[in-house]
Amino acid sequence: ATGATRLVIRGAGFGHGIGMSQYGAYGMAQQGWGYARILRHYYKGTKLGQAPSRPVRVLLQASDPYVRFRGATRGPGGMTLSPGVTHVVRPARGGRLAHYGAGGRRLGTYGAPLSVSNGGRPMRLLGAAIQGVTSGSYRGDFDLYPGSAGGVTVVNALPIDDYVQGVVASEVPASWSADVLRAQAVTARTYALTTRKTGDIFDQYPDTRSQMYRGVVSETTSTNAAVRRTAGEIVTYDGQPATTFYFSTSGGRTENIENSFVGAPPKPWLKSIEDPYDSISPKHRWTVRFSNARMGALLGSPGTLRRVQVLSRGVSPRVVR
């Protein structure tokens, strides 16, 4: 009889539950809510402000044996480069970088960073980037450094709105309503500013450790229009940028940050709120079933699973412990 036991788990939502529910925001936009109203709903007590003028630095490749790129017109020391040539950069002695051009001709050896650009137009980084994009195009500059584990590291330095163009369509479908795309643009811009990795050669990862950033390949007409419509806008609380966490689906109510991120202090703009239009999400409600043996294996605990007991819940009411 014990072997035949089935554990049935009924749940709601998908993601950490803090801040803006993307499906909930989509539902609000379908009901005629503007993006500013959507943001005020999810981030209580906040206002729209303007982002400071500073570039975003995104890690694209880390400690690769060598780096290849095309499309650059300017190199170290203002050197003129041919955009049609595939350039190669390899590690050299003394923490320096060797730059090779057409036919493998060595163009010079430089200290870090070795920076190349194309006057603001996109360049192509050959090979696979960290987020899985192969030979993708990126706006801004490439700054190259010796890798911490050997090889060469590539950081994409670009204006924040150019960065956000590569984020929005990577985080939500481009076919969604204009106002939810605008809300996503503002949250992505604010999140980038408030989660900078100070003291390192880069600010953001190009994946879910920060935000999904896929460069030019992800840009669409609708998402780029949303970025332009909200140019420079960020969410502020008491005049300061407010960390704008966001996620997929709330299940009908978001959660207090301290109940989802263990050890996080409470934030007045990240409180649990009703999410009335989140029901359009395919993960608004869900059910999964496990055998005792399967659940025990997933938990990795010694002995035989006897029961699962919920000890405490948050406001949403997600299971906290």
Protein backbone atom coordinates (compact mmCIF):
# COMPACT_ATOMS: atom_id res chain seq x y z
CA ALA A 1 0.00 0.00 0.00
CA THR A 2 2.83 2.40 0.81
CA GLY A 3 4.39 1.73 -2.60
CA ALA A 4 1.15 2.74 -4.31
CA THR A 5 0.92 6.13 -2.57
CA ARG A 6 0.74 9.16 -4.84
CA LEU A 7 1.57 12.70 -3.74
CA VAL A 8 -0.55 15.27 -5.57
CA ILE A 9 0.75 18.84 -5.56
CA ARG A 10 -1.55 21.60 -6.73
CA GLY A 11 0.12 24.93 -7.31
CA ALA A 12 -0.21 28.36 -8.87
CA GLY A 13 2.20 30.52 -10.79
CA PHE A 14 5.74 30.19 -12.12
CA GLY A 15 8.79 32.10 -10.88
CA HIS A 16 9.92 33.74 -7.66
CA GLY A 17 6.78 35.84 -7.28
CA ILE A 18 8.50 39.19 -6.56
CA GLY A 19 7.60 42.40 -8.38
CA MET A 20 5.95 42.37 -11.80
CA SER A 21 4.18 39.30 -13.15
CA GLN A 22 4.75 39.37 -16.91
CA TYR A 23 1.52 37.52 -17.71
CA GLY A 24 -0.35 39.66 -15.21
CA ALA A 25 1.01 42.80 -16.89
CA TYR A 26 -0.04 41.39 -20.26
CA GLY A 27 -3.56 40.88 -18.93
CA MET A 28 -3.64 44.45 -17.64
CA ALA A 29 -2.52 45.80 -21.02
CA GLN A 30 -5.33 43.81 -22.66
CA GLN A 31 -7.73 45.57 -20.26
CA GLY A 32 -6.47 48.98 -21.41
CA TRP A 33 -3.97 49.74 -18.63
CA GLY A 34 -1.07 51.99 -19.70
CA TYR A 35 2.48 50.96 -18.89
CA ALA A 36 2.92 53.63 -16.19
CA ARG A 37 -0.19 52.40 -14.38
CA ILE A 38 1.01 48.79 -14.67
CA LEU A 39 4.34 49.72 -13.08
CA ARG A 40 2.68 51.65 -10.26
CA HIS A 41 0.50 48.62 -9.52
CA TYR A 42 3.38 46.16 -9.15
CA TYR A 43 5.92 48.51 -7.53
CA LYS A 44 3.98 50.32 -4.81
CA GLY A 45 4.85 53.94 -4.06
CA THR A 46 7.16 54.31 -7.05
CA LYS A 47 7.40 56.95 -9.77
CA LEU A 48 9.00 57.14 -13.20
CA GLY A 49 12.37 58.88 -13.40
CA GLN A 50 15.32 59.14 -15.80
CA ALA A 51 18.28 56.79 -15.95
CA PRO A 52 21.79 58.19 -15.43
CA SER A 53 23.91 58.24 -18.57
CA ARG A 54 26.31 55.32 -18.26
CA PRO A 55 27.04 52.31 -20.45
CA VAL A 56 26.14 48.73 -19.62
CA ARG A 57 28.90 46.09 -19.76
CA VAL A 58 27.67 42.58 -20.58
CA LEU A 59 29.82 39.45 -20.35
CA LEU A 60 29.56 37.50 -23.64
CA GLN A 61 32.47 35.04 -23.64
CA ALA A 62 34.60 34.06 -20.65
CA SER A 63 38.15 32.71 -20.87
CA ASP A 64 37.77 31.28 -24.39
CA PRO A 65 41.06 30.05 -25.96
CA TYR A 66 40.73 32.81 -28.58
CA VAL A 67 38.12 35.31 -29.80
CA ARG A 68 36.99 36.02 -33.37
CA PHE A 69 34.91 38.99 -34.54
CA ARG A 70 33.86 40.80 -37.73
CA GLY A 71 32.47 44.24 -38.51
CA ALA A 72 34.95 46.33 -36.52
CA THR A 73 36.23 49.53 -38.13
CA ARG A 74 38.33 50.89 -35.26
CA GLY A 75 40.80 49.07 -33.06
CA PRO A 76 43.35 49.82 -30.33
CA GLY A 77 44.86 53.30 -30.46
CA GLY A 78 42.41 54.39 -33.16
CA MET A 79 43.74 51.86 -35.69
CA THR A 80 41.52 51.60 -38.78
CA LEU A 81 40.19 48.08 -39.33
CA SER A 82 38.43 46.48 -42.28
CA PRO A 83 34.89 45.43 -41.29
CA GLY A 84 34.93 42.57 -43.80
CA VAL A 85 37.90 40.86 -42.15
CA THR A 86 37.64 38.23 -39.43
CA HIS A 87 39.92 39.36 -36.60
CA VAL A 88 41.37 37.00 -34.01
CA VAL A 89 42.62 37.87 -30.52
CA ARG A 90 44.70 35.41 -28.48
CA PRO A 91 46.37 35.62 -25.06
CA ALA A 92 50.01 36.73 -25.05
CA ARG A 93 52.70 36.79 -22.39
CA GLY A 94 52.53 39.14 -19.45
CA GLY A 95 48.74 39.38 -19.37
CA ARG A 96 48.64 41.01 -22.80
CA LEU A 97 46.54 40.26 -25.89
CA ALA A 98 47.77 39.59 -29.45
CA HIS A 99 45.58 40.90 -32.29
CA TYR A 100 45.65 39.21 -35.73
CA GLY A 101 44.04 40.46 -38.94
CA ALA A 102 43.68 39.24 -42.54
CA GLY A 103 45.75 36.20 -43.39
CA GLY A 104 46.78 35.75 -39.76
CA ARG A 105 48.98 38.87 -39.86
CA ARG A 106 49.81 40.07 -36.37
CA LEU A 107 48.62 43.66 -35.95
CA GLY A 108 50.00 44.23 -32.46
CA THR A 109 50.14 43.18 -28.83
CA TYR A 110 48.22 45.24 -26.30
CA GLY A 111 47.37 45.57 -22.64
CA ALA A 112 43.80 45.12 -21.47
CA PRO A 113 41.26 46.11 -22.38
CA LEU A 114 41.71 45.73 -26.14
CA SER A 115 38.69 47.64 -27.47
CA VAL A 116 37.16 47.52 -30.95
CA SER A 117 34.11 49.34 -32.33
CA ASN A 118 32.11 50.13 -35.45
CA GLY A 119 30.82 53.62 -34.74
CA GLY A 120 27.77 52.34 -32.86
CA ARG A 121 26.75 49.89 -35.58
CA PRO A 122 26.53 46.17 -34.77
CA MET A 123 29.52 43.83 -34.86
CA ARG A 124 29.48 40.05 -35.02
CA LEU A 125 31.06 37.89 -32.34
CA LEU A 126 31.87 34.53 -33.88
CA GLY A 127 31.38 31.32 -31.94
CA ALA A 128 29.02 30.66 -29.04
CA ALA A 129 28.31 33.29 -26.40
CA ILE A 130 27.40 32.39 -22.81
CA GLN A 131 23.64 32.66 -23.36
CA GLY A 132 23.75 30.24 -26.31
CA VAL A 133 23.68 32.69 -29.24
CA THR A 134 26.12 31.53 -31.94
CA SER A 135 27.88 34.17 -34.07
CA GLY A 136 25.49 36.86 -32.89
CA SER A 137 25.50 40.58 -33.68
CA TYR A 138 25.76 43.15 -30.89
CA ARG A 139 25.56 46.92 -30.72
CA GLY A 140 28.26 48.94 -28.97
CA ASP A 141 31.91 48.00 -28.43
CA PHE A 142 33.77 44.80 -27.63
CA ASP A 143 36.24 45.11 -24.74
CA LEU A 144 38.62 42.16 -24.55
CA TYR A 145 40.49 41.07 -21.41
CA PRO A 146 42.75 38.17 -20.45
CA GLY A 147 40.53 35.45 -19.01
CA SER A 148 40.77 34.57 -15.32
CA ALA A 149 41.35 30.93 -16.31
CA GLY A 150 43.49 31.73 -19.34
CA GLY A 151 42.21 32.59 -22.79
CA VAL A 152 40.28 35.75 -23.67
CA THR A 153 37.11 37.29 -22.18
CA VAL A 154 34.73 39.47 -24.21
CA VAL A 155 32.59 42.22 -22.66
CA ASN A 156 29.99 44.10 -24.73
CA ALA A 157 29.91 47.79 -23.65
CA LEU A 158 26.93 49.71 -25.02
CA PRO A 159 24.37 52.44 -24.17
CA ILE A 160 21.66 51.26 -21.82
CA ASP A 161 18.78 51.63 -24.29
CA ASP A 162 20.69 49.60 -26.90
CA TYR A 163 21.13 46.95 -24.22
CA VAL A 164 17.42 47.00 -23.35
CA GLN A 165 16.55 46.45 -27.03
CA GLY A 166 18.41 43.14 -26.78
CA VAL A 167 16.58 42.21 -23.56
CA VAL A 168 12.86 42.95 -24.08
CA ALA A 169 12.14 40.43 -26.85
CA SER A 170 14.30 37.87 -25.03
CA GLU A 171 12.09 38.16 -21.94
CA VAL A 172 8.53 38.46 -23.36
CA PRO A 173 6.89 37.63 -26.72
CA ALA A 174 7.16 40.50 -29.20
CA SER A 175 3.52 39.91 -30.18
CA TRP A 176 2.25 41.07 -26.78
CA SER A 177 0.46 44.42 -26.34
CA ALA A 178 2.47 47.63 -26.68
CA ASP A 179 1.99 48.71 -23.05
CA VAL A 180 3.27 45.44 -21.57
CA LEU A 181 6.33 45.71 -23.84
CA ARG A 182 6.84 49.26 -22.58
CA ALA A 183 6.50 48.10 -18.96
CA GLN A 184 9.06 45.36 -19.66
CA ALA A 185 11.45 47.91 -21.19
CA VAL A 186 11.29 50.14 -18.10
CA THR A 187 11.71 47.22 -15.68
CA ALA A 188 14.64 45.81 -17.66
CA ARG A 189 16.35 49.20 -17.79
CA THR A 190 15.87 49.75 -14.06
CA TYR A 191 16.95 46.22 -13.16
CA ALA A 192 20.18 46.64 -15.11
CA LEU A 193 21.03 49.82 -13.20
CA THR A 194 20.22 48.40 -9.76
CA THR A 195 21.99 45.03 -10.12
CA ARG A 196 25.37 46.18 -11.45
CA LYS A 197 28.25 43.95 -10.41
CA THR A 198 30.53 46.66 -9.07
CA GLY A 199 34.24 46.00 -8.89
CA ASP A 200 34.36 43.65 -11.88
CA ILE A 201 35.07 44.08 -15.60
CA PHE A 202 31.37 43.56 -16.41
CA ASP A 203 28.00 44.62 -14.98
CA GLN A 204 25.61 41.97 -16.28
CA TYR A 205 25.50 38.35 -17.37
CA PRO A 206 23.63 37.77 -20.66
CA ASP A 207 21.42 35.06 -19.13
CA THR A 208 19.01 34.49 -16.24
CA ARG A 209 21.70 35.27 -13.67
CA SER A 210 20.94 38.87 -14.72
CA GLN A 211 18.53 39.20 -17.66
CA MET A 212 18.33 37.40 -20.98
CA TYR A 213 20.28 39.50 -23.50
CA ARG A 214 20.66 38.11 -27.02
CA GLY A 215 21.74 41.23 -28.89
CA VAL A 216 20.47 42.24 -32.32
CA VAL A 217 19.12 38.75 -33.16
CA SER A 218 16.30 39.20 -30.63
CA GLU A 219 15.30 42.74 -31.65
CA THR A 220 11.91 43.27 -33.32
CA THR A 221 10.04 46.30 -34.61
CA SER A 222 7.52 46.20 -31.74
CA THR A 223 10.01 45.72 -28.90
CA ASN A 224 12.40 48.36 -30.23
CA ALA A 225 9.45 50.76 -30.50
CA ALA A 226 8.67 50.06 -26.82
CA VAL A 227 12.25 50.91 -25.86
CA ARG A 228 12.17 54.16 -27.87
CA ARG A 229 8.76 55.12 -26.42
CA THR A 230 10.16 54.80 -22.88
CA ALA A 231 13.69 56.07 -23.65
CA GLY A 232 15.69 56.49 -20.45
CA GLU A 233 12.73 55.87 -18.12
CA ILE A 234 13.26 53.93 -14.90
CA VAL A 235 11.27 53.08 -11.76
CA THR A 236 12.26 55.13 -8.70
CA TYR A 237 11.37 55.06 -5.00
CA ASP A 238 12.11 58.20 -2.97
CA GLY A 239 14.05 59.51 -5.95
CA GLN A 240 16.38 56.49 -6.23
CA PRO A 241 16.27 53.61 -8.76
CA ALA A 242 14.23 50.75 -7.29
CA THR A 243 15.24 47.15 -7.96
CA THR A 244 12.52 45.90 -10.31
CA PHE A 245 12.35 42.14 -9.96
CA TYR A 246 9.99 40.49 -12.43
CA PHE A 247 8.90 36.95 -13.27
CA SER A 248 6.46 34.97 -15.39
CA THR A 249 3.25 34.13 -13.51
CA SER A 250 1.92 35.00 -10.05
CA GLY A 251 -1.04 32.64 -9.79
CA GLY A 252 -3.18 35.59 -8.70
CA ARG A 253 -1.05 37.30 -6.06
CA THR A 254 2.60 38.37 -5.84
CA GLU A 255 4.73 37.83 -2.71
CA ASN A 256 6.72 39.95 -0.24
CA ILE A 257 10.40 39.82 -1.13
CA GLU A 258 11.45 38.57 2.33
CA ASN A 259 9.19 35.52 1.95
CA SER A 260 10.70 34.45 -1.37
CA PHE A 261 14.39 35.42 -1.20
CA VAL A 262 15.70 33.97 2.06
CA GLY A 263 17.51 36.62 4.09
CA ALA A 264 16.38 39.54 1.91
CA PRO A 265 15.24 42.63 3.86
CA PRO A 266 11.67 43.89 3.27
CA LYS A 267 11.26 46.53 0.57
CA PRO A 268 8.25 48.89 0.58
CA TRP A 269 7.79 48.66 -3.20
CA LEU A 270 8.08 44.83 -3.25
CA LYS A 271 5.01 43.90 -1.21
CA SER A 272 2.39 41.27 -2.01
CA ILE A 273 -0.41 42.63 -4.22
CA GLU A 274 -3.43 41.19 -6.01
CA ASP A 275 -2.76 40.26 -9.64
CA PRO A 276 -6.27 40.14 -11.12
CA TYR A 277 -5.49 39.38 -14.78
CA ASP A 278 -2.76 36.75 -14.36
CA SER A 279 -5.24 33.97 -15.20
CA ILE A 280 -4.32 34.21 -18.91
CA SER A 281 -1.05 32.39 -18.13
CA PRO A 282 -0.87 28.66 -18.97
CA LYS A 283 0.79 28.21 -15.57
CA HIS A 284 -1.77 30.15 -13.54
CA ARG A 285 -2.84 26.80 -12.04
CA TRP A 286 -1.07 23.44 -12.31
CA THR A 287 -0.99 19.94 -10.83
CA VAL A 288 1.86 17.40 -10.61
CA ARG A 289 1.91 13.87 -9.17
CA PHE A 290 4.76 11.87 -7.66
CA SER A 291 5.22 8.46 -6.11
CA ASN A 292 6.72 8.38 -2.62
CA ALA A 293 9.87 6.82 -4.05
CA ARG A 294 10.23 9.49 -6.75
CA MET A 295 9.66 12.33 -4.30
CA GLY A 296 12.16 10.82 -1.88
CA ALA A 297 14.75 10.57 -4.65
CA LEU A 298 14.17 14.21 -5.68
CA LEU A 299 14.54 15.40 -2.09
CA GLY A 300 17.74 13.40 -1.69
CA SER A 301 16.97 12.70 1.97
CA PRO A 302 18.05 9.53 3.81
CA GLY A 303 15.43 6.96 4.73
CA THR A 304 11.89 6.67 3.35
CA LEU A 305 9.62 9.66 2.78
CA ARG A 306 6.66 9.59 5.17
CA ARG A 307 4.89 12.89 4.50
CA VAL A 308 5.32 16.49 3.36
CA GLN A 309 4.16 19.08 5.87
CA VAL A 310 3.87 22.83 5.15
CA LEU A 311 5.24 24.71 8.17
CA SER A 312 4.77 28.31 7.01
CA ARG A 313 3.35 30.27 4.11
CA GLY A 314 3.83 33.71 2.69
CA VAL A 315 1.11 36.19 1.77
CA SER A 316 0.56 34.82 -1.73
CA PRO A 317 0.25 32.06 -0.05
CA ARG A 318 3.39 30.42 -1.46
CA VAL A 319 5.11 27.76 0.66
CA VAL A 320 7.96 29.38 2.60
CA ARG A 321 9.01 26.43 4.77
